[in-house]
Amino acid sequence: MTPTTRLLERILPVAMLVVAVVGAPVMIFAPQGLPRLRGLEKELGDVDDENAALRREIDSLKGRVGRLRDDPGAVERIARDNLGLVRQTEVVFQFQTRR
C-alpha cells in the first residue's frame, strides 16, 4: 500500500464522521427540517379535525334528506316555517302591530 492510500483509509472515515456530526444537527434544525415537520403535523391535525366536522355535517344533512323524503310532516313544517305557506282550508289573520 502506498502512503497516500493509508492516509485516505485513516482520514476518510474520520472526515465522514465529522461531516455527519456537524451536518445532521444543521439539517434537523434548519427551517426545512424539524420545525417544518412540526408545522406539517399540526396542519395535518387541523385538517383531520375539519374533516371530522364535515363528516358530522354530512351525516346530519343525510338524515335531514331522509326525513324530507320519508316524512310528509317534515316537508310541511319547512313549507310553513320557511316559505310561509298554509293549507287551502286554513284562514290566515293578519293583525297590525301597534307602534
N, C-alpha and C. Protein backbone atom coordinates (compact mmCIF):
# COMPACT_ATOMS: atom_id res chain seq x y z
N MET A 1 0.83 -1.18 0.00
CA MET A 1 0.00 0.00 0.00
C MET A 1 0.87 1.24 0.00
N THR A 2 0.38 2.19 -0.71
CA THR A 2 1.12 3.44 -0.77
C THR A 2 0.76 4.30 0.44
N PRO A 3 1.60 5.23 0.75
CA PRO A 3 1.30 6.10 1.89
C PRO A 3 0.04 6.92 1.67
N THR A 4 -0.27 7.26 0.46
CA THR A 4 -1.49 8.03 0.17
C THR A 4 -2.72 7.19 0.47
N THR A 5 -2.70 5.93 0.11
CA THR A 5 -3.82 5.05 0.36
C THR A 5 -4.03 4.87 1.86
N ARG A 6 -2.95 4.67 2.59
CA ARG A 6 -3.06 4.53 4.03
C ARG A 6 -3.62 5.79 4.67
N LEU A 7 -3.17 6.92 4.20
CA LEU A 7 -3.65 8.19 4.73
C LEU A 7 -5.15 8.35 4.46
N LEU A 8 -5.59 7.99 3.25
CA LEU A 8 -7.01 8.07 2.91
C LEU A 8 -7.84 7.11 3.75
N GLU A 9 -7.33 5.92 4.01
CA GLU A 9 -8.04 4.94 4.82
C GLU A 9 -8.23 5.43 6.25
N ARG A 10 -7.32 6.24 6.75
CA ARG A 10 -7.45 6.76 8.10
C ARG A 10 -8.27 8.06 8.15
N ILE A 11 -8.06 8.92 7.20
CA ILE A 11 -8.69 10.23 7.23
C ILE A 11 -10.14 10.19 6.72
N LEU A 12 -10.41 9.40 5.72
CA LEU A 12 -11.74 9.37 5.11
C LEU A 12 -12.83 8.99 6.12
N PRO A 13 -12.71 7.94 6.92
CA PRO A 13 -13.77 7.65 7.90
C PRO A 13 -13.95 8.77 8.93
N VAL A 14 -12.84 9.35 9.37
CA VAL A 14 -12.92 10.44 10.35
C VAL A 14 -13.61 11.65 9.71
N ALA A 15 -13.27 11.96 8.47
CA ALA A 15 -13.89 13.09 7.78
C ALA A 15 -15.38 12.86 7.59
N MET A 16 -15.76 11.66 7.23
CA MET A 16 -17.19 11.36 7.07
C MET A 16 -17.92 11.48 8.40
N LEU A 17 -17.30 11.04 9.49
CA LEU A 17 -17.89 11.16 10.81
C LEU A 17 -18.06 12.63 11.19
N VAL A 18 -17.08 13.45 10.92
CA VAL A 18 -17.16 14.87 11.22
C VAL A 18 -18.28 15.51 10.42
N VAL A 19 -18.39 15.18 9.14
CA VAL A 19 -19.46 15.73 8.31
C VAL A 19 -20.82 15.31 8.84
N ALA A 20 -20.96 14.05 9.27
CA ALA A 20 -22.23 13.57 9.79
C ALA A 20 -22.57 14.26 11.11
N VAL A 21 -21.59 14.40 11.99
CA VAL A 21 -21.83 15.01 13.29
C VAL A 21 -22.20 16.49 13.15
N VAL A 22 -21.59 17.17 12.22
CA VAL A 22 -21.89 18.59 12.00
C VAL A 22 -23.13 18.76 11.13
N GLY A 23 -23.25 17.95 10.12
CA GLY A 23 -24.34 18.12 9.14
C GLY A 23 -25.71 17.70 9.65
N ALA A 24 -25.79 16.66 10.45
CA ALA A 24 -27.09 16.16 10.91
C ALA A 24 -27.84 17.21 11.74
N PRO A 25 -27.23 17.82 12.76
CA PRO A 25 -27.97 18.84 13.51
C PRO A 25 -28.34 20.05 12.66
N VAL A 26 -27.46 20.42 11.76
CA VAL A 26 -27.76 21.57 10.88
C VAL A 26 -28.98 21.24 10.03
N MET A 27 -29.04 20.05 9.49
CA MET A 27 -30.19 19.67 8.65
C MET A 27 -31.46 19.51 9.48
N ILE A 28 -31.34 19.01 10.71
CA ILE A 28 -32.51 18.80 11.56
C ILE A 28 -33.12 20.12 11.99
N PHE A 29 -32.30 21.06 12.41
CA PHE A 29 -32.80 22.32 12.95
C PHE A 29 -32.92 23.43 11.92
N ALA A 30 -32.64 23.13 10.67
CA ALA A 30 -32.83 24.11 9.59
C ALA A 30 -34.33 24.34 9.40
N PRO A 31 -34.73 25.46 8.81
CA PRO A 31 -36.16 25.74 8.61
C PRO A 31 -36.90 24.63 7.85
N GLN A 32 -36.22 23.91 7.01
CA GLN A 32 -36.86 22.82 6.26
C GLN A 32 -36.76 21.49 6.99
N GLY A 33 -36.24 21.48 8.20
CA GLY A 33 -36.08 20.24 8.95
C GLY A 33 -37.18 20.01 9.95
N LEU A 34 -36.78 19.90 11.21
CA LEU A 34 -37.69 19.58 12.30
C LEU A 34 -38.81 20.62 12.49
N PRO A 35 -38.52 21.92 12.43
CA PRO A 35 -39.63 22.89 12.57
C PRO A 35 -40.70 22.73 11.49
N ARG A 36 -40.28 22.46 10.28
CA ARG A 36 -41.25 22.24 9.20
C ARG A 36 -42.08 20.99 9.47
N LEU A 37 -41.42 19.94 9.96
CA LEU A 37 -42.14 18.70 10.27
C LEU A 37 -43.20 18.96 11.34
N ARG A 38 -42.86 19.71 12.38
CA ARG A 38 -43.83 20.02 13.44
C ARG A 38 -45.00 20.84 12.87
N GLY A 39 -44.69 21.80 12.02
CA GLY A 39 -45.75 22.60 11.40
C GLY A 39 -46.67 21.75 10.54
N LEU A 40 -46.10 20.84 9.78
CA LEU A 40 -46.91 19.97 8.93
C LEU A 40 -47.76 19.01 9.76
N GLU A 41 -47.22 18.53 10.88
CA GLU A 41 -48.01 17.66 11.76
C GLU A 41 -49.20 18.41 12.35
N LYS A 42 -48.98 19.67 12.75
CA LYS A 42 -50.08 20.48 13.28
C LYS A 42 -51.12 20.74 12.20
N GLU A 43 -50.65 21.06 11.01
CA GLU A 43 -51.58 21.29 9.89
C GLU A 43 -52.39 20.04 9.58
N LEU A 44 -51.75 18.88 9.63
CA LEU A 44 -52.45 17.62 9.40
C LEU A 44 -53.52 17.40 10.46
N GLY A 45 -53.20 17.69 11.71
CA GLY A 45 -54.19 17.57 12.78
C GLY A 45 -55.38 18.50 12.57
N ASP A 46 -55.10 19.73 12.14
CA ASP A 46 -56.18 20.69 11.87
C ASP A 46 -57.07 20.21 10.73
N VAL A 47 -56.46 19.68 9.69
CA VAL A 47 -57.23 19.18 8.55
C VAL A 47 -58.05 17.96 8.96
N ASP A 48 -57.49 17.09 9.79
CA ASP A 48 -58.25 15.93 10.27
C ASP A 48 -59.46 16.37 11.09
N ASP A 49 -59.27 17.39 11.94
CA ASP A 49 -60.40 17.91 12.74
C ASP A 49 -61.47 18.50 11.83
N GLU A 50 -61.04 19.24 10.82
CA GLU A 50 -62.00 19.83 9.88
C GLU A 50 -62.75 18.75 9.11
N ASN A 51 -62.04 17.70 8.71
CA ASN A 51 -62.69 16.60 8.00
C ASN A 51 -63.72 15.91 8.88
N ALA A 52 -63.40 15.72 10.16
CA ALA A 52 -64.35 15.08 11.08
C ALA A 52 -65.60 15.95 11.23
N ALA A 53 -65.41 17.27 11.34
CA ALA A 53 -66.57 18.17 11.45
C ALA A 53 -67.42 18.11 10.18
N LEU A 54 -66.77 18.07 9.03
CA LEU A 54 -67.51 17.99 7.78
C LEU A 54 -68.25 16.65 7.65
N ARG A 55 -67.64 15.56 8.13
CA ARG A 55 -68.33 14.26 8.11
C ARG A 55 -69.58 14.30 8.97
N ARG A 56 -69.47 14.94 10.16
CA ARG A 56 -70.65 15.06 11.03
C ARG A 56 -71.73 15.89 10.34
N GLU A 57 -71.33 16.96 9.69
CA GLU A 57 -72.31 17.80 8.99
C GLU A 57 -72.97 17.02 7.84
N ILE A 58 -72.18 16.25 7.12
CA ILE A 58 -72.73 15.44 6.02
C ILE A 58 -73.73 14.42 6.57
N ASP A 59 -73.38 13.77 7.68
CA ASP A 59 -74.30 12.80 8.27
C ASP A 59 -75.60 13.48 8.70
N SER A 60 -75.48 14.66 9.27
CA SER A 60 -76.67 15.41 9.67
C SER A 60 -77.54 15.75 8.46
N LEU A 61 -76.90 16.20 7.40
CA LEU A 61 -77.65 16.55 6.19
C LEU A 61 -78.27 15.32 5.54
N LYS A 62 -77.58 14.18 5.59
CA LYS A 62 -78.16 12.95 5.06
C LYS A 62 -79.41 12.56 5.85
N GLY A 63 -79.34 12.74 7.17
CA GLY A 63 -80.52 12.46 7.99
C GLY A 63 -81.67 13.39 7.65
N ARG A 64 -81.35 14.65 7.43
CA ARG A 64 -82.40 15.61 7.07
C ARG A 64 -83.02 15.26 5.71
N VAL A 65 -82.20 14.87 4.76
CA VAL A 65 -82.71 14.47 3.45
C VAL A 65 -83.61 13.26 3.58
N GLY A 66 -83.18 12.30 4.40
CA GLY A 66 -84.00 11.11 4.62
C GLY A 66 -85.35 11.46 5.23
N ARG A 67 -85.35 12.38 6.21
CA ARG A 67 -86.62 12.80 6.81
C ARG A 67 -87.51 13.52 5.79
N LEU A 68 -86.91 14.33 4.95
CA LEU A 68 -87.71 15.04 3.94
C LEU A 68 -88.31 14.08 2.91
N ARG A 69 -87.58 13.01 2.62
CA ARG A 69 -88.11 12.02 1.68
C ARG A 69 -89.24 11.20 2.29
N ASP A 70 -89.09 10.84 3.56
CA ASP A 70 -89.99 9.87 4.17
C ASP A 70 -91.09 10.48 5.03
N ASP A 71 -90.90 11.69 5.53
CA ASP A 71 -91.84 12.26 6.49
C ASP A 71 -92.55 13.47 5.89
N PRO A 72 -93.82 13.32 5.52
CA PRO A 72 -94.54 14.47 4.96
C PRO A 72 -94.68 15.61 5.97
N GLY A 73 -94.71 15.29 7.25
CA GLY A 73 -94.79 16.32 8.28
C GLY A 73 -93.58 17.23 8.27
N ALA A 74 -92.41 16.66 8.00
CA ALA A 74 -91.19 17.48 7.93
C ALA A 74 -91.26 18.44 6.76
N VAL A 75 -91.75 17.97 5.63
CA VAL A 75 -91.90 18.84 4.46
C VAL A 75 -92.89 19.96 4.78
N GLU A 76 -93.99 19.61 5.44
CA GLU A 76 -95.00 20.62 5.80
C GLU A 76 -94.42 21.67 6.75
N ARG A 77 -93.64 21.21 7.72
CA ARG A 77 -93.02 22.15 8.66
C ARG A 77 -92.13 23.14 7.93
N ILE A 78 -91.34 22.66 7.00
CA ILE A 78 -90.45 23.55 6.25
C ILE A 78 -91.27 24.51 5.39
N ALA A 79 -92.32 24.00 4.75
CA ALA A 79 -93.16 24.86 3.92
C ALA A 79 -93.81 25.95 4.77
N ARG A 80 -94.24 25.61 5.95
CA ARG A 80 -94.89 26.60 6.83
C ARG A 80 -93.88 27.59 7.40
N ASP A 81 -92.78 27.07 7.93
CA ASP A 81 -91.82 27.93 8.63
C ASP A 81 -91.01 28.80 7.67
N ASN A 82 -90.47 28.19 6.65
CA ASN A 82 -89.54 28.92 5.77
C ASN A 82 -90.25 29.65 4.64
N LEU A 83 -91.32 29.07 4.12
CA LEU A 83 -91.97 29.65 2.94
C LEU A 83 -93.26 30.38 3.28
N GLY A 84 -93.76 30.21 4.50
CA GLY A 84 -94.99 30.89 4.90
C GLY A 84 -96.24 30.37 4.21
N LEU A 85 -96.22 29.12 3.83
CA LEU A 85 -97.37 28.53 3.14
C LEU A 85 -98.41 28.04 4.15
N VAL A 86 -99.67 28.00 3.70
CA VAL A 86 -100.77 27.50 4.53
C VAL A 86 -101.59 26.53 3.68
N ARG A 87 -102.39 25.72 4.36
CA ARG A 87 -103.28 24.81 3.64
C ARG A 87 -104.44 25.60 3.04
N GLN A 88 -105.09 24.99 2.05
CA GLN A 88 -106.22 25.67 1.39
C GLN A 88 -107.38 25.86 2.35
N THR A 89 -107.52 24.99 3.32
CA THR A 89 -108.66 25.07 4.24
C THR A 89 -108.39 26.00 5.42
N GLU A 90 -107.19 26.53 5.54
CA GLU A 90 -106.86 27.39 6.66
C GLU A 90 -107.15 28.86 6.33
N VAL A 91 -107.51 29.60 7.36
CA VAL A 91 -107.73 31.03 7.23
C VAL A 91 -106.60 31.74 7.95
N VAL A 92 -106.04 32.74 7.31
CA VAL A 92 -104.92 33.47 7.88
C VAL A 92 -105.41 34.84 8.33
N PHE A 93 -105.14 35.18 9.56
CA PHE A 93 -105.48 36.50 10.09
C PHE A 93 -104.19 37.28 10.24
N GLN A 94 -104.18 38.50 9.73
CA GLN A 94 -103.02 39.35 9.88
C GLN A 94 -103.42 40.56 10.71
N PHE A 95 -102.68 40.86 11.74
CA PHE A 95 -103.00 41.97 12.62
C PHE A 95 -101.89 43.01 12.51
N GLN A 96 -102.30 44.27 12.56
CA GLN A 96 -101.31 45.33 12.55
C GLN A 96 -100.68 45.41 13.93
N THR A 97 -99.44 45.67 13.94
CA THR A 97 -98.77 45.85 15.23
C THR A 97 -98.87 47.30 15.64
N ARG A 98 -99.04 47.55 16.92
CA ARG A 98 -99.12 48.92 17.43
C ARG A 98 -97.72 49.50 17.51
N ARG A 99 -97.69 50.79 17.20
CA ARG A 99 -96.38 51.45 17.24
C ARG A 99 -96.23 52.34 18.42
